[in-house]
Every structure is written in structure tokens, then in C-alpha cells.
Amino acid sequence: MSDWTAAELRQLSDVGEVRVAGRRADGSSRTLVIVWHVVVGDAVYLRSVKGPAGQWYRGVAHTFEGFLDWSGPSRPVSFILDPSPDDAIDAAYAAKYGTGSAVRAITSDLAKETTLRVEPR
């Protein structure tokens, strides 16, 4: 069950990119990095185009907690590994961003290893 409001999901669906960062041990934010994301149903998903080796993903994977920013102050979030809707996520990336090489990379098997559902904390 998502705690995103309908208005937040609409905003997230409409915006082209978000910024994401993991949480440091002291609770502060790592450096926010621009990533592509999609909304599928009532959930927000993102992936690392570089798979598990992606720098932002490694930062998130320490605690699976961090921050998401799309149009205002960063919001504390949790990241949950969730590849269950991979086909729907692939389709959402293609619908949102097209079918070019960047989308082929974000829908690759390597990127799918990092499918994260983002939930507000």
C-alpha cells in the first residue's frame, strides 16, 4: 500500500526527472542525483542504469532509506527492492521516455537488478 497522495502521484507522473539520495549514518542526505522514474499504479519506481555498480544506488543500498526530491524540499523515503512488476515498469519507462538507447539501458537485465519501489517515510 502506497502512502503517496493522488496529487503527488500525478506530479511524479508528470515530472521528467527526480533527484534521489541515500541516507548517511547520521541521518543526513548524501548528494542528490538526477534519475529517471516511473509511476505504476499507486507506486513510484526507479532503477540504476548502471545496475548495482551505480554510485547513487550503492549509496541507497547501505540503508535503503534516503530522500526524493521533485519540486520542493527533499522528502524522506524508503527504498524497497521490488522486481515483481518489471514488465509494467519497462512499459512505463518506454511510454514516458521513448524507446531510445537510454530506455533500453534502464530496461536491461542489469538495471532490473536494482528495481526499487519508493515509499514515503
Protein backbone atom coordinates (compact mmCIF):
# COMPACT_ATOMS: atom_id res chain seq x y z
CA MET A 1 0.00 0.00 0.00
CA SER A 2 1.39 3.37 -1.03
CA ASP A 3 1.26 6.44 1.15
CA TRP A 4 1.63 8.76 -1.84
CA THR A 5 -1.32 11.07 -2.30
CA ALA A 6 -3.13 11.17 -5.61
CA ALA A 7 -1.75 14.68 -6.17
CA GLU A 8 1.83 13.52 -5.50
CA LEU A 9 1.43 10.58 -7.88
CA ARG A 10 0.14 12.94 -10.60
CA GLN A 11 3.08 15.30 -10.03
CA LEU A 12 5.56 12.44 -10.07
CA SER A 13 4.00 11.03 -13.20
CA ASP A 14 4.22 14.40 -14.96
CA VAL A 15 7.75 15.43 -13.96
CA GLY A 16 10.56 14.16 -16.19
CA GLU A 17 13.19 13.52 -13.56
CA VAL A 18 13.58 13.29 -9.81
CA ARG A 19 16.60 13.65 -7.57
CA VAL A 20 17.44 10.82 -5.20
CA ALA A 21 19.99 10.21 -2.46
CA GLY A 22 20.73 7.68 0.22
CA ARG A 23 20.79 8.48 3.93
CA ARG A 24 24.09 8.73 5.76
CA ALA A 25 24.57 7.08 9.17
CA ASP A 26 23.96 10.44 10.88
CA GLY A 27 20.61 10.77 9.08
CA SER A 28 21.73 13.46 6.65
CA SER A 29 21.34 13.20 2.89
CA ARG A 30 24.03 12.04 0.52
CA THR A 31 24.33 14.19 -2.61
CA LEU A 32 21.11 14.22 -4.61
CA VAL A 33 21.45 12.76 -8.12
CA ILE A 34 19.05 13.10 -11.05
CA VAL A 35 17.41 9.82 -12.09
CA TRP A 36 14.52 8.69 -14.25
CA HIS A 37 11.49 7.24 -12.53
CA VAL A 38 8.02 5.93 -13.35
CA VAL A 39 4.68 5.64 -11.62
CA VAL A 40 2.97 2.27 -11.99
CA GLY A 41 -0.39 2.03 -10.28
CA ASP A 42 -0.03 3.81 -6.95
CA ALA A 43 3.72 3.19 -6.64
CA VAL A 44 6.88 5.04 -7.69
CA TYR A 45 9.77 3.03 -9.14
CA LEU A 46 13.31 3.77 -10.17
CA ARG A 47 16.36 1.87 -11.32
CA SER A 48 20.07 2.41 -11.67
CA VAL A 49 21.02 2.49 -15.34
CA LYS A 50 24.44 1.16 -14.27
CA GLY A 51 22.90 -1.64 -12.21
CA PRO A 52 24.26 -2.39 -8.73
CA ALA A 53 27.53 -0.60 -9.57
CA GLY A 54 25.78 2.76 -9.96
CA GLN A 55 27.09 5.25 -7.42
CA TRP A 56 23.71 6.57 -6.26
CA TYR A 57 22.39 3.01 -5.97
CA ARG A 58 25.33 1.95 -3.81
CA GLY A 59 24.62 4.93 -1.54
CA VAL A 60 20.95 3.97 -1.26
CA ALA A 61 21.73 0.27 -0.68
CA HIS A 62 23.53 0.97 2.62
CA THR A 63 20.29 1.57 4.50
CA PHE A 64 17.57 1.51 1.82
CA GLU A 65 16.48 4.84 3.23
CA GLY A 66 17.08 8.25 1.77
CA PHE A 67 15.50 11.21 0.08
CA LEU A 68 13.48 12.02 -3.03
CA ASP A 69 13.06 15.49 -4.47
CA TRP A 70 10.94 16.52 -7.42
CA SER A 71 9.63 20.02 -6.82
CA GLY A 72 10.45 21.32 -3.41
CA PRO A 73 12.09 20.14 -0.25
CA SER A 74 13.52 16.63 -0.28
CA ARG A 75 11.15 14.06 1.13
CA PRO A 76 12.37 11.19 3.35
CA VAL A 77 11.67 7.85 1.67
CA SER A 78 12.34 4.14 1.95
CA PHE A 79 13.56 2.08 -0.99
CA ILE A 80 12.30 -1.49 -1.35
CA LEU A 81 13.77 -3.94 -3.84
CA ASP A 82 10.72 -4.96 -5.85
CA PRO A 83 11.14 -6.51 -9.29
CA SER A 84 7.63 -8.01 -9.26
CA PRO A 85 6.10 -5.55 -11.76
CA ASP A 86 9.15 -5.42 -14.08
CA ASP A 87 7.14 -5.77 -17.31
CA ALA A 88 4.82 -2.91 -16.31
CA ILE A 89 7.83 -0.81 -15.26
CA ASP A 90 9.55 -1.46 -18.61
CA ALA A 91 6.38 -0.39 -20.43
CA ALA A 92 6.07 2.73 -18.26
CA TYR A 93 9.69 3.74 -18.99
CA ALA A 94 9.08 3.31 -22.73
CA ALA A 95 5.83 5.28 -22.59
CA LYS A 96 7.41 8.11 -20.61
CA TYR A 97 10.87 8.37 -22.18
CA GLY A 98 10.62 6.69 -25.60
CA THR A 99 12.45 3.67 -26.94
CA GLY A 100 15.97 5.00 -27.46
CA SER A 101 19.24 3.67 -26.12
CA ALA A 102 18.77 5.24 -22.67
CA VAL A 103 15.48 3.41 -22.19
CA ARG A 104 17.00 0.19 -23.49
CA ALA A 105 19.68 0.63 -20.80
CA ILE A 106 17.20 1.34 -17.97
CA THR A 107 15.16 -1.73 -19.01
CA SER A 108 18.17 -4.04 -19.32
CA ASP A 109 18.61 -7.11 -17.14
CA LEU A 110 21.43 -5.32 -15.27
CA ALA A 111 19.23 -2.32 -14.43
CA LYS A 112 16.33 -4.59 -13.44
CA GLU A 113 18.52 -5.96 -10.62
CA THR A 114 18.07 -2.55 -8.98
CA THR A 115 14.31 -2.05 -9.34
CA LEU A 116 13.29 -0.02 -6.30
CA ARG A 117 9.81 0.88 -5.12
CA VAL A 118 9.96 4.24 -3.36
CA GLU A 119 7.69 4.81 -0.36
CA PRO A 120 7.36 7.94 1.78
CA ARG A 121 8.59 7.69 5.39
